[in-house]
Amino acid sequence: MEDFSVNEVLLRGRVSGVPQEKELPSGDHVVEFRIVIPRRTRDGVDTLDIAAWTAKTRRTGLSLKTEEWVEISGAIRRRFWQAPSGLASRWQVEASAISRI
């Protein structure tokens, strides 16, 4: 059976807040921020969480300013972690490239 799977996204939107760097219990570092994308076909916006894991995307992510327009390419990922109340998860876009537009 052939596999036609693809997990690639290209997003353009505005940064909605100050990017934050986190150190995880594993010692890994990630920069997280959100972008807001206005909907074209109906009222409203979509707010998406972005995670930057590589040194280059973390550097770029930390330099972003609120309301700045960016283009993100990457893939959708679901992260899991142990929270005090049990297993928790959330969806994010894992950025492979971040650029200002």
N, C-alpha and C. Protein backbone atom coordinates (compact mmCIF):
# COMPACT_ATOMS: atom_id res chain seq x y z
N MET A 1 0.84 -1.17 0.00
CA MET A 1 0.00 0.00 0.00
C MET A 1 0.89 1.25 0.00
N GLU A 2 0.63 2.17 -0.92
CA GLU A 2 1.40 3.42 -0.97
C GLU A 2 1.01 4.35 0.16
N ASP A 3 1.97 5.14 0.57
CA ASP A 3 1.74 6.13 1.62
C ASP A 3 1.80 7.52 0.99
N PHE A 4 0.68 8.22 0.96
CA PHE A 4 0.61 9.56 0.38
C PHE A 4 0.58 10.64 1.47
N SER A 5 1.00 10.31 2.67
CA SER A 5 0.94 11.23 3.80
C SER A 5 1.83 12.44 3.58
N VAL A 6 1.33 13.59 4.00
CA VAL A 6 2.09 14.84 3.99
C VAL A 6 1.70 15.65 5.22
N ASN A 7 2.68 16.16 5.92
CA ASN A 7 2.42 17.04 7.05
C ASN A 7 3.29 18.27 6.87
N GLU A 8 2.83 19.17 6.03
CA GLU A 8 3.54 20.42 5.75
C GLU A 8 2.55 21.57 5.82
N VAL A 9 2.96 22.64 6.49
CA VAL A 9 2.11 23.83 6.55
C VAL A 9 2.91 25.06 6.15
N LEU A 10 2.21 26.02 5.59
CA LEU A 10 2.77 27.34 5.28
C LEU A 10 1.76 28.34 5.81
N LEU A 11 2.19 29.17 6.73
CA LEU A 11 1.30 30.13 7.39
C LEU A 11 1.88 31.53 7.28
N ARG A 12 1.01 32.51 7.14
CA ARG A 12 1.40 33.92 7.22
C ARG A 12 0.43 34.59 8.17
N GLY A 13 0.99 35.28 9.15
CA GLY A 13 0.15 35.95 10.13
C GLY A 13 0.97 36.92 10.95
N ARG A 14 0.30 37.51 11.95
CA ARG A 14 0.94 38.48 12.85
C ARG A 14 1.28 37.82 14.18
N VAL A 15 2.44 38.15 14.70
CA VAL A 15 2.84 37.68 16.03
C VAL A 15 1.92 38.34 17.05
N SER A 16 1.34 37.55 17.96
CA SER A 16 0.35 38.11 18.88
C SER A 16 0.88 38.43 20.27
N GLY A 17 2.12 38.12 20.54
CA GLY A 17 2.68 38.42 21.86
C GLY A 17 4.19 38.19 21.84
N VAL A 18 4.80 38.40 22.96
CA VAL A 18 6.25 38.28 23.08
C VAL A 18 6.63 36.79 23.09
N PRO A 19 7.51 36.35 22.20
CA PRO A 19 7.97 34.96 22.22
C PRO A 19 8.67 34.63 23.54
N GLN A 20 8.48 33.40 24.01
CA GLN A 20 9.05 32.97 25.28
C GLN A 20 9.94 31.75 25.06
N GLU A 21 11.11 31.76 25.68
CA GLU A 21 11.98 30.60 25.63
C GLU A 21 11.76 29.76 26.89
N LYS A 22 11.65 28.44 26.69
CA LYS A 22 11.45 27.53 27.81
C LYS A 22 12.54 26.47 27.80
N GLU A 23 12.96 26.08 29.00
CA GLU A 23 13.83 24.92 29.12
C GLU A 23 12.99 23.78 29.67
N LEU A 24 12.95 22.68 28.95
CA LEU A 24 12.15 21.53 29.34
C LEU A 24 12.92 20.66 30.33
N PRO A 25 12.21 19.81 31.08
CA PRO A 25 12.89 18.92 32.03
C PRO A 25 14.00 18.08 31.38
N SER A 26 13.87 17.82 30.09
CA SER A 26 14.89 17.05 29.36
C SER A 26 16.16 17.86 29.13
N GLY A 27 16.10 19.18 29.36
CA GLY A 27 17.23 20.06 29.08
C GLY A 27 17.14 20.71 27.71
N ASP A 28 16.19 20.27 26.88
CA ASP A 28 15.98 20.89 25.57
C ASP A 28 15.40 22.29 25.74
N HIS A 29 15.66 23.14 24.74
CA HIS A 29 15.13 24.50 24.74
C HIS A 29 14.17 24.64 23.56
N VAL A 30 13.11 25.41 23.79
CA VAL A 30 12.14 25.69 22.74
C VAL A 30 11.69 27.14 22.90
N VAL A 31 11.44 27.81 21.78
CA VAL A 31 10.85 29.15 21.80
C VAL A 31 9.43 29.00 21.30
N GLU A 32 8.49 29.52 22.07
CA GLU A 32 7.08 29.41 21.72
C GLU A 32 6.47 30.81 21.57
N PHE A 33 5.60 30.93 20.58
CA PHE A 33 4.85 32.16 20.38
C PHE A 33 3.58 31.83 19.61
N ARG A 34 2.72 32.80 19.47
CA ARG A 34 1.47 32.62 18.73
C ARG A 34 1.41 33.58 17.56
N ILE A 35 0.73 33.12 16.51
CA ILE A 35 0.42 34.02 15.41
C ILE A 35 -1.09 34.04 15.22
N VAL A 36 -1.57 35.18 14.74
CA VAL A 36 -2.99 35.38 14.46
C VAL A 36 -3.15 35.51 12.95
N ILE A 37 -4.10 34.74 12.42
CA ILE A 37 -4.35 34.75 10.98
C ILE A 37 -5.82 35.07 10.75
N PRO A 38 -6.14 36.23 10.13
CA PRO A 38 -7.53 36.55 9.84
C PRO A 38 -8.12 35.55 8.84
N ARG A 39 -9.38 35.19 9.05
CA ARG A 39 -10.07 34.31 8.11
C ARG A 39 -10.56 35.12 6.92
N ARG A 40 -10.46 34.56 5.75
CA ARG A 40 -10.88 35.28 4.54
C ARG A 40 -12.34 35.02 4.18
N THR A 41 -12.85 33.85 4.52
CA THR A 41 -14.19 33.49 4.05
C THR A 41 -15.29 33.78 5.05
N ARG A 42 -14.96 34.06 6.29
CA ARG A 42 -15.97 34.42 7.29
C ARG A 42 -15.29 35.20 8.40
N ASP A 43 -16.09 35.83 9.25
CA ASP A 43 -15.52 36.64 10.32
C ASP A 43 -14.71 35.79 11.29
N GLY A 44 -13.71 36.42 11.87
CA GLY A 44 -12.92 35.77 12.90
C GLY A 44 -11.46 35.64 12.53
N VAL A 45 -10.73 35.11 13.47
CA VAL A 45 -9.30 34.86 13.28
C VAL A 45 -8.98 33.47 13.83
N ASP A 46 -7.87 32.95 13.39
CA ASP A 46 -7.33 31.72 13.96
C ASP A 46 -6.04 32.08 14.67
N THR A 47 -5.88 31.59 15.89
CA THR A 47 -4.68 31.81 16.68
C THR A 47 -3.96 30.48 16.79
N LEU A 48 -2.71 30.44 16.34
CA LEU A 48 -1.97 29.18 16.28
C LEU A 48 -0.69 29.26 17.10
N ASP A 49 -0.42 28.21 17.85
CA ASP A 49 0.80 28.11 18.64
C ASP A 49 1.95 27.62 17.75
N ILE A 50 3.08 28.31 17.85
CA ILE A 50 4.27 27.97 17.08
C ILE A 50 5.38 27.55 18.04
N ALA A 51 6.10 26.49 17.71
CA ALA A 51 7.24 26.04 18.49
C ALA A 51 8.48 26.03 17.61
N ALA A 52 9.55 26.66 18.09
CA ALA A 52 10.82 26.73 17.37
C ALA A 52 11.85 25.93 18.17
N TRP A 53 12.35 24.85 17.58
CA TRP A 53 13.26 23.94 18.29
C TRP A 53 14.71 24.07 17.87
N THR A 54 14.99 24.38 16.61
CA THR A 54 16.38 24.44 16.17
C THR A 54 17.01 25.76 16.62
N ALA A 55 18.33 25.79 16.66
CA ALA A 55 19.03 27.02 17.09
C ALA A 55 18.63 28.21 16.22
N LYS A 56 18.56 27.98 14.90
CA LYS A 56 18.24 29.09 13.99
C LYS A 56 16.81 29.58 14.20
N THR A 57 15.83 28.68 14.29
CA THR A 57 14.45 29.13 14.46
C THR A 57 14.23 29.72 15.85
N ARG A 58 14.95 29.21 16.86
CA ARG A 58 14.83 29.81 18.20
C ARG A 58 15.35 31.24 18.19
N ARG A 59 16.50 31.46 17.55
CA ARG A 59 17.07 32.83 17.46
C ARG A 59 16.11 33.77 16.76
N THR A 60 15.59 33.34 15.61
CA THR A 60 14.65 34.18 14.87
C THR A 60 13.40 34.42 15.69
N GLY A 61 12.86 33.37 16.29
CA GLY A 61 11.65 33.50 17.10
C GLY A 61 11.80 34.50 18.23
N LEU A 62 12.92 34.45 18.92
CA LEU A 62 13.15 35.37 20.04
C LEU A 62 13.27 36.81 19.59
N SER A 63 13.63 37.05 18.34
CA SER A 63 13.80 38.42 17.85
C SER A 63 12.49 39.04 17.33
N LEU A 64 11.43 38.24 17.27
CA LEU A 64 10.16 38.76 16.72
C LEU A 64 9.49 39.73 17.68
N LYS A 65 8.80 40.68 17.11
CA LYS A 65 8.06 41.68 17.88
C LYS A 65 6.56 41.47 17.70
N THR A 66 5.80 41.85 18.71
CA THR A 66 4.34 41.78 18.64
C THR A 66 3.84 42.59 17.45
N GLU A 67 2.87 42.05 16.74
CA GLU A 67 2.24 42.65 15.56
C GLU A 67 3.08 42.53 14.28
N GLU A 68 4.27 41.96 14.37
CA GLU A 68 5.11 41.79 13.19
C GLU A 68 4.54 40.66 12.32
N TRP A 69 4.56 40.86 11.00
CA TRP A 69 4.10 39.84 10.06
C TRP A 69 5.20 38.83 9.82
N VAL A 70 4.84 37.54 9.86
CA VAL A 70 5.81 36.47 9.65
C VAL A 70 5.24 35.40 8.74
N GLU A 71 6.15 34.64 8.16
CA GLU A 71 5.79 33.45 7.40
C GLU A 71 6.45 32.27 8.11
N ILE A 72 5.66 31.25 8.36
CA ILE A 72 6.13 30.06 9.06
C ILE A 72 5.93 28.86 8.14
N SER A 73 6.97 28.06 7.96
CA SER A 73 6.78 26.77 7.32
C SER A 73 7.17 25.71 8.35
N GLY A 74 6.48 24.59 8.29
CA GLY A 74 6.75 23.53 9.25
C GLY A 74 5.74 22.42 9.16
N ALA A 75 5.47 21.81 10.31
CA ALA A 75 4.56 20.67 10.38
C ALA A 75 3.74 20.76 11.66
N ILE A 76 2.57 20.16 11.65
CA ILE A 76 1.72 20.12 12.83
C ILE A 76 2.17 18.96 13.71
N ARG A 77 2.33 19.23 14.99
CA ARG A 77 2.76 18.21 15.95
C ARG A 77 1.86 18.25 17.18
N ARG A 78 1.70 17.12 17.81
CA ARG A 78 0.99 17.06 19.09
C ARG A 78 2.01 16.71 20.16
N ARG A 79 2.14 17.60 21.14
CA ARG A 79 3.08 17.40 22.25
C ARG A 79 2.35 16.82 23.44
N PHE A 80 3.01 15.90 24.13
CA PHE A 80 2.46 15.29 25.34
C PHE A 80 3.42 15.54 26.49
N TRP A 81 2.89 15.73 27.68
CA TRP A 81 3.71 15.87 28.88
C TRP A 81 2.89 15.47 30.09
N GLN A 82 3.60 15.23 31.18
CA GLN A 82 2.95 14.84 32.41
C GLN A 82 2.63 16.08 33.22
N ALA A 83 1.35 16.37 33.40
CA ALA A 83 0.89 17.50 34.20
C ALA A 83 0.49 16.99 35.59
N PRO A 84 0.33 17.88 36.57
CA PRO A 84 -0.08 17.42 37.90
C PRO A 84 -1.38 16.62 37.88
N SER A 85 -2.26 16.94 36.95
CA SER A 85 -3.56 16.25 36.88
C SER A 85 -3.53 15.02 35.96
N GLY A 86 -2.36 14.70 35.39
CA GLY A 86 -2.26 13.55 34.50
C GLY A 86 -1.64 13.95 33.17
N LEU A 87 -1.77 13.06 32.20
CA LEU A 87 -1.21 13.30 30.88
C LEU A 87 -1.92 14.47 30.20
N ALA A 88 -1.14 15.40 29.64
CA ALA A 88 -1.71 16.56 28.94
C ALA A 88 -1.11 16.61 27.54
N SER A 89 -1.80 17.30 26.64
CA SER A 89 -1.28 17.44 25.28
C SER A 89 -1.79 18.73 24.67
N ARG A 90 -1.13 19.15 23.59
CA ARG A 90 -1.60 20.27 22.79
C ARG A 90 -0.99 20.19 21.41
N TRP A 91 -1.70 20.79 20.46
CA TRP A 91 -1.24 20.86 19.08
C TRP A 91 -0.44 22.12 18.88
N GLN A 92 0.65 22.02 18.10
CA GLN A 92 1.48 23.16 17.75
C GLN A 92 1.95 23.00 16.32
N VAL A 93 2.37 24.12 15.76
CA VAL A 93 3.09 24.07 14.48
C VAL A 93 4.57 24.11 14.84
N GLU A 94 5.29 23.07 14.45
CA GLU A 94 6.74 23.03 14.67
C GLU A 94 7.41 23.71 13.49
N ALA A 95 7.99 24.87 13.73
CA ALA A 95 8.56 25.69 12.65
C ALA A 95 9.87 25.11 12.17
N SER A 96 9.97 24.90 10.86
CA SER A 96 11.25 24.54 10.27
C SER A 96 11.92 25.78 9.68
N ALA A 97 11.13 26.83 9.42
CA ALA A 97 11.67 28.11 8.94
C ALA A 97 10.72 29.22 9.37
N ILE A 98 11.32 30.34 9.76
CA ILE A 98 10.57 31.54 10.17
C ILE A 98 11.19 32.72 9.44
N SER A 99 10.35 33.51 8.76
CA SER A 99 10.87 34.71 8.10
C SER A 99 9.89 35.86 8.26
N ARG A 100 10.44 37.06 8.29
CA ARG A 100 9.61 38.26 8.35
C ARG A 100 9.11 38.58 6.93
N ILE A 101 7.90 39.12 6.86
CA ILE A 101 7.38 39.52 5.55
C ILE A 101 6.90 40.96 5.60
